[in-house]
Amino acid sequence: MPHRLFVIISNRLRGPKYLSLADNDIDVLVIPEGLLSVEKEPADNTSLGDAWTIILKNTIVKRIRSHAEWEQSSVRIAGHVRTCFGAVQEQTWRRDRRFHEQEADLCEELGHSIDVQIWGFHHEPTLSHIWTVLRQVRKIWKDPNLELKANFLADLEGAFQRAQELFDNASRRDNKREKWETLSLAKHEIVGLFDPLRIRLETAREISREDLQRAEKIRAEVKESIELKLPRAQNLLGDCRGSVVGEQAIEWFGKASEQLKVKFDLSQFPEWLNQLDTYLHKLRNSVTE
């Protein structure tokens, strides 16, 4: 099992209700199985970009490098989400949130690829697996029982794992929703190109008995417009290819693509458009199944 190195950024955890740490106190648990350090949060008036780039990254890099076994350690970093990663407050996910970009940034600064995770958490047990475990450290941090402390660090690692499971599930839901929205927009844009032509063709049918010449003129215009719009429809469908994932989605994407290549006369146009709409509808819904 790798050595565990936890760096927590939380003024509340440092405060009198939990650890009552002096200004220079950082290391809370130091045992053979791992280390827990609790750092101060950046100032509340620090912007999101400055919080990580100017303050947090350098502080964390120095802390990690000060540990003799850091290159072989499993490093977990968690900061209070508002002061360390304030912009995520605008997002819908309110539980523990992982920051992959900051992880890559940290490894680049360290000059070494390590097993690292960076998380933002709330000081609310109902929202955070990480905080639920962290707040229990006040009961054991001065206890001489090393096994108790080792169990605490193991529980903390478990909290990160549970947070990862929830975050992965939320990411998958967000990814599916994003793909659904992309394909839904493409569906409406493509069908919207041709729907007015269906109405014009119906108008031509209705007036054909009274004004055949006018009806034929409308049909000719509709035919020309269809030919002009088909390449645009094909491009719209091709633009959303990146959102097509999974066997069913690939199947319906293929059928919609082929439908846009089908040759038809004007009498078949309404049926052709209905079939295209069906394929696009099934394509859109297949990404959520």
C-alpha atoms as a PDB file:
ATOM      1  CA  MET A   1       0.000   0.000   0.000  1.00  0.00           C
ATOM      2  CA  PRO A   2       1.480   3.423  -0.943  1.00  0.00           C
ATOM      3  CA  HIS A   3       2.304   6.000   1.684  1.00  0.00           C
ATOM      4  CA  ARG A   4      -0.571   8.477   2.052  1.00  0.00           C
ATOM      5  CA  LEU A   5      -0.028  12.218   2.037  1.00  0.00           C
ATOM      6  CA  PHE A   6      -3.096  14.387   2.692  1.00  0.00           C
ATOM      7  CA  VAL A   7      -3.019  18.186   2.382  1.00  0.00           C
ATOM      8  CA  ILE A   8      -6.229  19.829   3.589  1.00  0.00           C
ATOM      9  CA  ILE A   9      -6.975  23.559   3.198  1.00  0.00           C
ATOM     10  CA  SER A  10      -9.597  24.538   5.752  1.00  0.00           C
ATOM     11  CA  ASN A  11      -9.681  27.348   8.305  1.00  0.00           C
ATOM     12  CA  ARG A  12     -12.630  25.740  10.032  1.00  0.00           C
ATOM     13  CA  LEU A  13     -10.697  22.527  10.608  1.00  0.00           C
ATOM     14  CA  ARG A  14      -7.806  24.567  11.991  1.00  0.00           C
ATOM     15  CA  GLY A  15     -10.134  26.540  14.271  1.00  0.00           C
ATOM     16  CA  PRO A  16     -11.135  26.102  17.933  1.00  0.00           C
ATOM     17  CA  LYS A  17     -14.093  23.834  17.248  1.00  0.00           C
ATOM     18  CA  TYR A  18     -11.824  21.158  15.779  1.00  0.00           C
ATOM     19  CA  LEU A  19      -8.010  21.352  16.041  1.00  0.00           C
ATOM     20  CA  SER A  20      -7.174  24.770  17.575  1.00  0.00           C
ATOM     21  CA  LEU A  21      -3.954  24.977  15.591  1.00  0.00           C
ATOM     22  CA  ALA A  22      -1.444  27.770  16.148  1.00  0.00           C
ATOM     23  CA  ASP A  23      -0.469  29.860  13.132  1.00  0.00           C
ATOM     24  CA  ASN A  24       2.630  27.838  12.362  1.00  0.00           C
ATOM     25  CA  ASP A  25       1.078  24.437  13.077  1.00  0.00           C
ATOM     26  CA  ILE A  26       0.478  22.413   9.921  1.00  0.00           C
ATOM     27  CA  ASP A  27       1.132  18.730  10.502  1.00  0.00           C
ATOM     28  CA  VAL A  28      -1.726  17.091  12.402  1.00  0.00           C
ATOM     29  CA  LEU A  29      -1.075  13.374  12.015  1.00  0.00           C
ATOM     30  CA  VAL A  30       2.406  11.996  11.298  1.00  0.00           C
ATOM     31  CA  ILE A  31       2.549   8.213  11.342  1.00  0.00           C
ATOM     32  CA  PRO A  32       4.360   5.536   9.300  1.00  0.00           C
ATOM     33  CA  GLU A  33       1.248   4.955   7.190  1.00  0.00           C
ATOM     34  CA  GLY A  34       0.879   8.583   6.166  1.00  0.00           C
ATOM     35  CA  LEU A  35       0.671  12.264   6.988  1.00  0.00           C
ATOM     36  CA  LEU A  36      -2.159  14.758   7.354  1.00  0.00           C
ATOM     37  CA  SER A  37      -1.398  18.470   6.998  1.00  0.00           C
ATOM     38  CA  VAL A  38      -3.947  21.238   7.421  1.00  0.00           C
ATOM     39  CA  GLU A  39      -3.134  24.499   5.629  1.00  0.00           C
ATOM     40  CA  LYS A  40      -4.767  27.926   5.887  1.00  0.00           C
ATOM     41  CA  GLU A  41      -7.260  29.007   3.251  1.00  0.00           C
ATOM     42  CA  PRO A  42      -6.384  31.895   0.927  1.00  0.00           C
ATOM     43  CA  ALA A  43      -7.963  35.251   1.782  1.00  0.00           C
ATOM     44  CA  ASP A  44     -11.668  35.542   0.997  1.00  0.00           C
ATOM     45  CA  ASN A  45     -11.066  38.430  -1.421  1.00  0.00           C
ATOM     46  CA  THR A  46      -8.735  36.337  -3.581  1.00  0.00           C
ATOM     47  CA  SER A  47     -10.146  35.717  -7.050  1.00  0.00           C
ATOM     48  CA  LEU A  48     -10.531  32.189  -8.401  1.00  0.00           C
ATOM     49  CA  GLY A  49      -7.561  32.414 -10.732  1.00  0.00           C
ATOM     50  CA  ASP A  50      -5.307  33.970  -8.110  1.00  0.00           C
ATOM     51  CA  ALA A  51      -6.345  31.469  -5.450  1.00  0.00           C
ATOM     52  CA  TRP A  52      -4.854  28.542  -7.320  1.00  0.00           C
ATOM     53  CA  THR A  53      -2.220  30.109  -9.546  1.00  0.00           C
ATOM     54  CA  ILE A  54      -0.706  32.649  -7.191  1.00  0.00           C
ATOM     55  CA  ILE A  55      -1.231  31.155  -3.728  1.00  0.00           C
ATOM     56  CA  LEU A  56      -2.411  27.575  -3.484  1.00  0.00           C
ATOM     57  CA  LYS A  57      -0.249  25.890  -6.102  1.00  0.00           C
ATOM     58  CA  ASN A  58       3.048  27.196  -4.685  1.00  0.00           C
ATOM     59  CA  THR A  59       1.998  26.464  -1.111  1.00  0.00           C
ATOM     60  CA  ILE A  60       1.013  22.906  -1.935  1.00  0.00           C
ATOM     61  CA  VAL A  61       4.105  22.248  -4.042  1.00  0.00           C
ATOM     62  CA  LYS A  62       6.361  23.325  -1.165  1.00  0.00           C
ATOM     63  CA  ARG A  63       4.396  21.198   1.268  1.00  0.00           C
ATOM     64  CA  ILE A  64       4.586  18.104  -0.916  1.00  0.00           C
ATOM     65  CA  ARG A  65       8.299  18.527  -1.619  1.00  0.00           C
ATOM     66  CA  SER A  66       9.040  18.927   2.084  1.00  0.00           C
ATOM     67  CA  HIS A  67       7.920  15.345   2.573  1.00  0.00           C
ATOM     68  CA  ALA A  68      10.750  12.852   1.986  1.00  0.00           C
ATOM     69  CA  GLU A  69       8.522  10.196   0.438  1.00  0.00           C
ATOM     70  CA  TRP A  70       6.347  12.400  -1.743  1.00  0.00           C
ATOM     71  CA  GLU A  71       7.319  10.828  -5.075  1.00  0.00           C
ATOM     72  CA  GLN A  72       6.105   7.427  -3.855  1.00  0.00           C
ATOM     73  CA  SER A  73       3.110   8.764  -1.946  1.00  0.00           C
ATOM     74  CA  SER A  74      -0.556   8.734  -2.791  1.00  0.00           C
ATOM     75  CA  VAL A  75      -1.294  12.477  -2.559  1.00  0.00           C
ATOM     76  CA  ARG A  76      -4.774  13.774  -1.795  1.00  0.00           C
ATOM     77  CA  ILE A  77      -5.453  17.518  -1.657  1.00  0.00           C
ATOM     78  CA  ALA A  78      -8.775  19.004  -0.589  1.00  0.00           C
ATOM     79  CA  GLY A  79      -9.677  22.654  -0.134  1.00  0.00           C
ATOM     80  CA  HIS A  80     -12.769  24.465   1.051  1.00  0.00           C
ATOM     81  CA  VAL A  81     -14.608  24.934  -2.224  1.00  0.00           C
ATOM     82  CA  ARG A  82     -15.688  28.580  -1.779  1.00  0.00           C
ATOM     83  CA  THR A  83     -12.328  30.113  -0.966  1.00  0.00           C
ATOM     84  CA  CYS A  84     -10.174  27.773  -3.040  1.00  0.00           C
ATOM     85  CA  PHE A  85     -12.417  27.195  -6.081  1.00  0.00           C
ATOM     86  CA  GLY A  86     -15.040  29.914  -5.816  1.00  0.00           C
ATOM     87  CA  ALA A  87     -16.358  29.837  -9.400  1.00  0.00           C
ATOM     88  CA  VAL A  88     -17.847  26.360  -8.999  1.00  0.00           C
ATOM     89  CA  GLN A  89     -20.524  27.893  -6.789  1.00  0.00           C
ATOM     90  CA  GLU A  90     -22.254  28.848 -10.043  1.00  0.00           C
ATOM     91  CA  GLN A  91     -22.456  25.214 -11.087  1.00  0.00           C
ATOM     92  CA  THR A  92     -25.189  22.745 -10.197  1.00  0.00           C
ATOM     93  CA  TRP A  93     -23.028  20.034  -8.612  1.00  0.00           C
ATOM     94  CA  ARG A  94     -22.835  20.915  -4.905  1.00  0.00           C
ATOM     95  CA  ARG A  95     -21.022  17.889  -3.521  1.00  0.00           C
ATOM     96  CA  ASP A  96     -17.296  17.072  -3.503  1.00  0.00           C
ATOM     97  CA  ARG A  97     -15.831  18.200  -6.840  1.00  0.00           C
ATOM     98  CA  ARG A  98     -12.586  17.048  -8.419  1.00  0.00           C
ATOM     99  CA  PHE A  99     -10.310  19.407 -10.368  1.00  0.00           C
ATOM    100  CA  HIS A 100      -8.375  17.529 -13.054  1.00  0.00           C
ATOM    101  CA  GLU A 101      -6.840  20.634 -14.651  1.00  0.00           C
ATOM    102  CA  GLN A 102      -5.252  21.688 -11.368  1.00  0.00           C
ATOM    103  CA  GLU A 103      -3.881  18.172 -10.920  1.00  0.00           C
ATOM    104  CA  ALA A 104      -2.097  18.349 -14.269  1.00  0.00           C
ATOM    105  CA  ASP A 105      -0.866  21.833 -13.399  1.00  0.00           C
ATOM    106  CA  LEU A 106       0.499  20.601 -10.078  1.00  0.00           C
ATOM    107  CA  CYS A 107       2.363  17.649 -11.627  1.00  0.00           C
ATOM    108  CA  GLU A 108       3.908  19.982 -14.184  1.00  0.00           C
ATOM    109  CA  GLU A 109       5.093  22.299 -11.418  1.00  0.00           C
ATOM    110  CA  LEU A 110       6.490  19.361  -9.442  1.00  0.00           C
ATOM    111  CA  GLY A 111       8.264  18.083 -12.546  1.00  0.00           C
ATOM    112  CA  HIS A 112       7.103  14.583 -11.692  1.00  0.00           C
ATOM    113  CA  SER A 113       3.915  12.633 -12.388  1.00  0.00           C
ATOM    114  CA  ILE A 114       2.438  11.411  -9.109  1.00  0.00           C
ATOM    115  CA  ASP A 115      -0.766   9.774  -7.900  1.00  0.00           C
ATOM    116  CA  VAL A 116      -2.601  12.986  -7.007  1.00  0.00           C
ATOM    117  CA  GLN A 117      -6.185  14.117  -6.627  1.00  0.00           C
ATOM    118  CA  ILE A 118      -7.373  17.682  -5.958  1.00  0.00           C
ATOM    119  CA  TRP A 119     -10.849  18.205  -4.531  1.00  0.00           C
ATOM    120  CA  GLY A 120     -13.102  21.009  -3.383  1.00  0.00           C
ATOM    121  CA  PHE A 121     -15.476  20.290  -0.498  1.00  0.00           C
ATOM    122  CA  HIS A 122     -18.163  22.002   1.570  1.00  0.00           C
ATOM    123  CA  HIS A 123     -18.118  22.207   5.362  1.00  0.00           C
ATOM    124  CA  GLU A 124     -21.389  20.282   5.431  1.00  0.00           C
ATOM    125  CA  PRO A 125     -21.574  16.527   6.138  1.00  0.00           C
ATOM    126  CA  THR A 126     -24.707  16.194   4.004  1.00  0.00           C
ATOM    127  CA  LEU A 127     -22.794  17.473   0.974  1.00  0.00           C
ATOM    128  CA  SER A 128     -19.301  16.121   1.527  1.00  0.00           C
ATOM    129  CA  HIS A 129     -17.934  12.641   2.177  1.00  0.00           C
ATOM    130  CA  ILE A 130     -14.518  14.229   2.683  1.00  0.00           C
ATOM    131  CA  TRP A 131     -15.675  16.662   5.366  1.00  0.00           C
ATOM    132  CA  THR A 132     -17.716  13.951   7.102  1.00  0.00           C
ATOM    133  CA  VAL A 133     -14.468  12.092   7.826  1.00  0.00           C
ATOM    134  CA  LEU A 134     -12.212  15.132   8.323  1.00  0.00           C
ATOM    135  CA  ARG A 135     -14.297  16.559  11.160  1.00  0.00           C
ATOM    136  CA  GLN A 136     -13.705  13.368  13.146  1.00  0.00           C
ATOM    137  CA  VAL A 137      -9.970  14.096  13.393  1.00  0.00           C
ATOM    138  CA  ARG A 138     -10.530  16.190  16.538  1.00  0.00           C
ATOM    139  CA  LYS A 139     -11.287  12.982  18.425  1.00  0.00           C
ATOM    140  CA  ILE A 140      -8.062  11.198  17.590  1.00  0.00           C
ATOM    141  CA  TRP A 141      -5.331  13.657  16.558  1.00  0.00           C
ATOM    142  CA  LYS A 142      -3.716  13.807  20.010  1.00  0.00           C
ATOM    143  CA  ASP A 143      -4.451  10.194  20.831  1.00  0.00           C
ATOM    144  CA  PRO A 144      -1.200   8.173  21.087  1.00  0.00           C
ATOM    145  CA  ASN A 145      -2.886   5.143  19.523  1.00  0.00           C
ATOM    146  CA  LEU A 146      -1.202   4.827  16.105  1.00  0.00           C
ATOM    147  CA  GLU A 147      -3.670   2.204  14.917  1.00  0.00           C
ATOM    148  CA  LEU A 148      -6.526   4.608  15.517  1.00  0.00           C
ATOM    149  CA  LYS A 149      -4.752   7.251  13.453  1.00  0.00           C
ATOM    150  CA  ALA A 150      -3.939   4.775  10.686  1.00  0.00           C
ATOM    151  CA  ASN A 151      -7.614   3.787  10.550  1.00  0.00           C
ATOM    152  CA  PHE A 152      -8.568   7.444  10.291  1.00  0.00           C
ATOM    153  CA  LEU A 153      -6.303   7.950   7.277  1.00  0.00           C
ATOM    154  CA  ALA A 154      -7.740   4.799   5.702  1.00  0.00           C
ATOM    155  CA  ASP A 155     -11.256   6.166   6.277  1.00  0.00           C
ATOM    156  CA  LEU A 156     -10.206   9.451   4.714  1.00  0.00           C
ATOM    157  CA  GLU A 157      -8.908   7.644   1.632  1.00  0.00           C
ATOM    158  CA  GLY A 158     -12.242   5.815   1.503  1.00  0.00           C
ATOM    159  CA  ALA A 159     -14.038   9.167   1.554  1.00  0.00           C
ATOM    160  CA  PHE A 160     -12.081  10.281  -1.502  1.00  0.00           C
ATOM    161  CA  GLN A 161     -13.055   7.046  -3.244  1.00  0.00           C
ATOM    162  CA  ARG A 162     -16.747   7.522  -2.447  1.00  0.00           C
ATOM    163  CA  ALA A 163     -16.526  11.133  -3.602  1.00  0.00           C
ATOM    164  CA  GLN A 164     -14.983   9.902  -6.855  1.00  0.00           C
ATOM    165  CA  GLU A 165     -17.829   7.471  -7.460  1.00  0.00           C
ATOM    166  CA  LEU A 166     -20.430  10.192  -6.986  1.00  0.00           C
ATOM    167  CA  PHE A 167     -18.486  12.667  -9.098  1.00  0.00           C
ATOM    168  CA  ASP A 168     -18.046  10.119 -11.900  1.00  0.00           C
ATOM    169  CA  ASN A 169     -21.781   9.403 -11.911  1.00  0.00           C
ATOM    170  CA  ALA A 170     -22.566  13.125 -12.037  1.00  0.00           C
ATOM    171  CA  SER A 171     -20.017  13.652 -14.822  1.00  0.00           C
ATOM    172  CA  ARG A 172     -21.594  10.879 -16.861  1.00  0.00           C
ATOM    173  CA  ARG A 173     -25.036  12.442 -16.400  1.00  0.00           C
ATOM    174  CA  ASP A 174     -23.693  15.861 -17.396  1.00  0.00           C
ATOM    175  CA  ASN A 175     -21.977  14.333 -20.410  1.00  0.00           C
ATOM    176  CA  LYS A 176     -25.158  12.586 -21.525  1.00  0.00           C
ATOM    177  CA  ARG A 177     -27.185  15.771 -21.076  1.00  0.00           C
ATOM    178  CA  GLU A 178     -24.670  17.762 -23.106  1.00  0.00           C
ATOM    179  CA  LYS A 179     -24.760  15.213 -25.921  1.00  0.00           C
ATOM    180  CA  TRP A 180     -28.577  15.125 -25.824  1.00  0.00           C
ATOM    181  CA  GLU A 181     -28.715  18.923 -26.109  1.00  0.00           C
ATOM    182  CA  THR A 182     -26.252  18.930 -29.021  1.00  0.00           C
ATOM    183  CA  LEU A 183     -28.213  16.284 -30.927  1.00  0.00           C
ATOM    184  CA  SER A 184     -31.543  17.888 -30.065  1.00  0.00           C
ATOM    185  CA  LEU A 185     -30.381  21.208 -31.496  1.00  0.00           C
ATOM    186  CA  ALA A 186     -29.143  19.468 -34.643  1.00  0.00           C
ATOM    187  CA  LYS A 187     -32.477  17.674 -35.014  1.00  0.00           C
ATOM    188  CA  HIS A 188     -34.493  20.884 -34.802  1.00  0.00           C
ATOM    189  CA  GLU A 189     -32.156  22.753 -37.139  1.00  0.00           C
ATOM    190  CA  ILE A 190     -32.173  20.015 -39.772  1.00  0.00           C
ATOM    191  CA  VAL A 191     -35.911  19.387 -39.717  1.00  0.00           C
ATOM    192  CA  GLY A 192     -36.426  23.144 -39.552  1.00  0.00           C
ATOM    193  CA  LEU A 193     -34.641  23.527 -42.873  1.00  0.00           C
ATOM    194  CA  PHE A 194     -37.235  21.409 -44.643  1.00  0.00           C
ATOM    195  CA  ASP A 195     -40.464  21.923 -42.690  1.00  0.00           C
ATOM    196  CA  PRO A 196     -41.420  25.188 -44.454  1.00  0.00           C
ATOM    197  CA  LEU A 197     -40.960  23.394 -47.774  1.00  0.00           C
ATOM    198  CA  ARG A 198     -43.438  20.733 -46.726  1.00  0.00           C
ATOM    199  CA  ILE A 199     -45.981  23.480 -46.080  1.00  0.00           C
ATOM    200  CA  ARG A 200     -45.283  25.086 -49.463  1.00  0.00           C
ATOM    201  CA  LEU A 201     -45.681  21.735 -51.177  1.00  0.00           C
ATOM    202  CA  GLU A 202     -49.041  21.270 -49.470  1.00  0.00           C
ATOM    203  CA  THR A 203     -50.039  24.739 -50.668  1.00  0.00           C
ATOM    204  CA  ALA A 204     -49.136  23.736 -54.234  1.00  0.00           C
ATOM    205  CA  ARG A 205     -51.317  20.648 -53.950  1.00  0.00           C
ATOM    206  CA  GLU A 206     -54.274  22.668 -52.689  1.00  0.00           C
ATOM    207  CA  ILE A 207     -54.157  25.279 -55.489  1.00  0.00           C
ATOM    208  CA  SER A 208     -53.270  22.911 -58.306  1.00  0.00           C
ATOM    209  CA  ARG A 209     -56.874  22.534 -59.493  1.00  0.00           C
ATOM    210  CA  GLU A 210     -57.454  26.280 -59.709  1.00  0.00           C
ATOM    211  CA  ASP A 211     -53.976  27.475 -60.730  1.00  0.00           C
ATOM    212  CA  LEU A 212     -51.862  24.652 -62.098  1.00  0.00           C
ATOM    213  CA  GLN A 213     -49.190  26.982 -63.422  1.00  0.00           C
ATOM    214  CA  ARG A 214     -48.700  28.588 -60.023  1.00  0.00           C
ATOM    215  CA  ALA A 215     -48.669  25.163 -58.337  1.00  0.00           C
ATOM    216  CA  GLU A 216     -45.975  23.910 -60.708  1.00  0.00           C
ATOM    217  CA  LYS A 217     -43.899  27.019 -60.065  1.00  0.00           C
ATOM    218  CA  ILE A 218     -44.081  26.384 -56.312  1.00  0.00           C
ATOM    219  CA  ARG A 219     -43.081  22.736 -56.787  1.00  0.00           C
ATOM    220  CA  ALA A 220     -40.082  23.770 -58.879  1.00  0.00           C
ATOM    221  CA  GLU A 221     -39.014  26.251 -56.224  1.00  0.00           C
ATOM    222  CA  VAL A 222     -39.415  23.621 -53.496  1.00  0.00           C
ATOM    223  CA  LYS A 223     -37.342  21.110 -55.456  1.00  0.00           C
ATOM    224  CA  GLU A 224     -34.575  23.647 -55.999  1.00  0.00           C
ATOM    225  CA  SER A 225     -34.643  24.657 -52.338  1.00  0.00           C
ATOM    226  CA  ILE A 226     -34.406  21.022 -51.188  1.00  0.00           C
ATOM    227  CA  GLU A 227     -31.305  20.513 -53.320  1.00  0.00           C
ATOM    228  CA  LEU A 228     -29.738  23.631 -51.828  1.00  0.00           C
ATOM    229  CA  LYS A 229     -30.593  22.673 -48.247  1.00  0.00           C
ATOM    230  CA  LEU A 230     -29.425  19.037 -48.322  1.00  0.00           C
ATOM    231  CA  PRO A 231     -25.670  19.873 -48.107  1.00  0.00           C
ATOM    232  CA  ARG A 232     -26.394  22.213 -45.203  1.00  0.00           C
ATOM    233  CA  ALA A 233     -28.335  19.457 -43.425  1.00  0.00           C
ATOM    234  CA  GLN A 234     -25.497  17.000 -44.013  1.00  0.00           C
ATOM    235  CA  ASN A 235     -23.014  19.459 -42.528  1.00  0.00           C
ATOM    236  CA  LEU A 236     -25.219  20.045 -39.480  1.00  0.00           C
ATOM    237  CA  LEU A 237     -25.434  16.322 -38.866  1.00  0.00           C
ATOM    238  CA  GLY A 238     -21.694  15.867 -39.387  1.00  0.00           C
ATOM    239  CA  ASP A 239     -20.919  18.656 -36.909  1.00  0.00           C
ATOM    240  CA  CYS A 240     -22.481  16.654 -34.066  1.00  0.00           C
ATOM    241  CA  ARG A 241     -20.575  13.435 -34.847  1.00  0.00           C
ATOM    242  CA  GLY A 242     -18.521  13.884 -31.677  1.00  0.00           C
ATOM    243  CA  SER A 243     -21.662  13.460 -29.585  1.00  0.00           C
ATOM    244  CA  VAL A 244     -22.503  10.110 -31.161  1.00  0.00           C
ATOM    245  CA  VAL A 245     -21.317   7.423 -28.727  1.00  0.00           C
ATOM    246  CA  GLY A 246     -22.546   3.854 -28.405  1.00  0.00           C
ATOM    247  CA  GLU A 247     -23.821   1.242 -30.834  1.00  0.00           C
ATOM    248  CA  GLN A 248     -27.401   2.498 -30.966  1.00  0.00           C
ATOM    249  CA  ALA A 249     -26.366   6.113 -31.492  1.00  0.00           C
ATOM    250  CA  ILE A 250     -23.962   5.094 -34.257  1.00  0.00           C
ATOM    251  CA  GLU A 251     -26.720   3.047 -35.913  1.00  0.00           C
ATOM    252  CA  TRP A 252     -29.232   5.925 -35.909  1.00  0.00           C
ATOM    253  CA  PHE A 253     -26.587   8.417 -36.988  1.00  0.00           C
ATOM    254  CA  GLY A 254     -25.827   6.167 -39.938  1.00  0.00           C
ATOM    255  CA  LYS A 255     -29.493   5.877 -40.883  1.00  0.00           C
ATOM    256  CA  ALA A 256     -29.995   9.632 -40.660  1.00  0.00           C
ATOM    257  CA  SER A 257     -26.878  10.189 -42.795  1.00  0.00           C
ATOM    258  CA  GLU A 258     -28.129   7.755 -45.422  1.00  0.00           C
ATOM    259  CA  GLN A 259     -31.578   9.337 -45.385  1.00  0.00           C
ATOM    260  CA  LEU A 260     -30.018  12.656 -46.357  1.00  0.00           C
ATOM    261  CA  LYS A 261     -28.523  10.941 -49.421  1.00  0.00           C
ATOM    262  CA  VAL A 262     -31.723   9.222 -50.568  1.00  0.00           C
ATOM    263  CA  LYS A 263     -33.055  10.305 -53.969  1.00  0.00           C
ATOM    264  CA  PHE A 264     -36.787  11.003 -54.001  1.00  0.00           C
ATOM    265  CA  ASP A 265     -39.395  12.864 -56.030  1.00  0.00           C
ATOM    266  CA  LEU A 266     -41.599  15.563 -54.552  1.00  0.00           C
ATOM    267  CA  SER A 267     -44.507  13.202 -53.950  1.00  0.00           C
ATOM    268  CA  GLN A 268     -42.266  11.288 -51.512  1.00  0.00           C
ATOM    269  CA  PHE A 269     -40.920  14.373 -49.756  1.00  0.00           C
ATOM    270  CA  PRO A 270     -43.344  14.406 -46.758  1.00  0.00           C
ATOM    271  CA  GLU A 271     -42.692  10.733 -46.082  1.00  0.00           C
ATOM    272  CA  TRP A 272     -38.930  11.260 -46.526  1.00  0.00           C
ATOM    273  CA  LEU A 273     -38.951  14.118 -44.014  1.00  0.00           C
ATOM    274  CA  ASN A 274     -41.007  12.151 -41.491  1.00  0.00           C
ATOM    275  CA  GLN A 275     -38.522   9.287 -41.717  1.00  0.00           C
ATOM    276  CA  LEU A 276     -35.577  11.671 -41.264  1.00  0.00           C
ATOM    277  CA  ASP A 277     -37.286  13.201 -38.221  1.00  0.00           C
ATOM    278  CA  THR A 278     -37.756   9.714 -36.751  1.00  0.00           C
ATOM    279  CA  TYR A 279     -34.098   8.801 -37.215  1.00  0.00           C
ATOM    280  CA  LEU A 280     -32.940  12.064 -35.644  1.00  0.00           C
ATOM    281  CA  HIS A 281     -35.352  11.608 -32.751  1.00  0.00           C
ATOM    282  CA  LYS A 282     -34.019   8.110 -32.061  1.00  0.00           C
ATOM    283  CA  LEU A 283     -30.439   9.338 -32.414  1.00  0.00           C
ATOM    284  CA  ARG A 284     -30.990  12.055 -29.829  1.00  0.00           C
ATOM    285  CA  ASN A 285     -32.637   9.750 -27.315  1.00  0.00           C
ATOM    286  CA  SER A 286     -30.139   6.921 -27.776  1.00  0.00           C
ATOM    287  CA  VAL A 287     -27.372   8.827 -25.959  1.00  0.00           C
ATOM    288  CA  THR A 288     -29.360   8.775 -22.703  1.00  0.00           C
ATOM    289  CA  GLU A 289     -30.143   5.057 -22.773  1.00  0.00           C
END
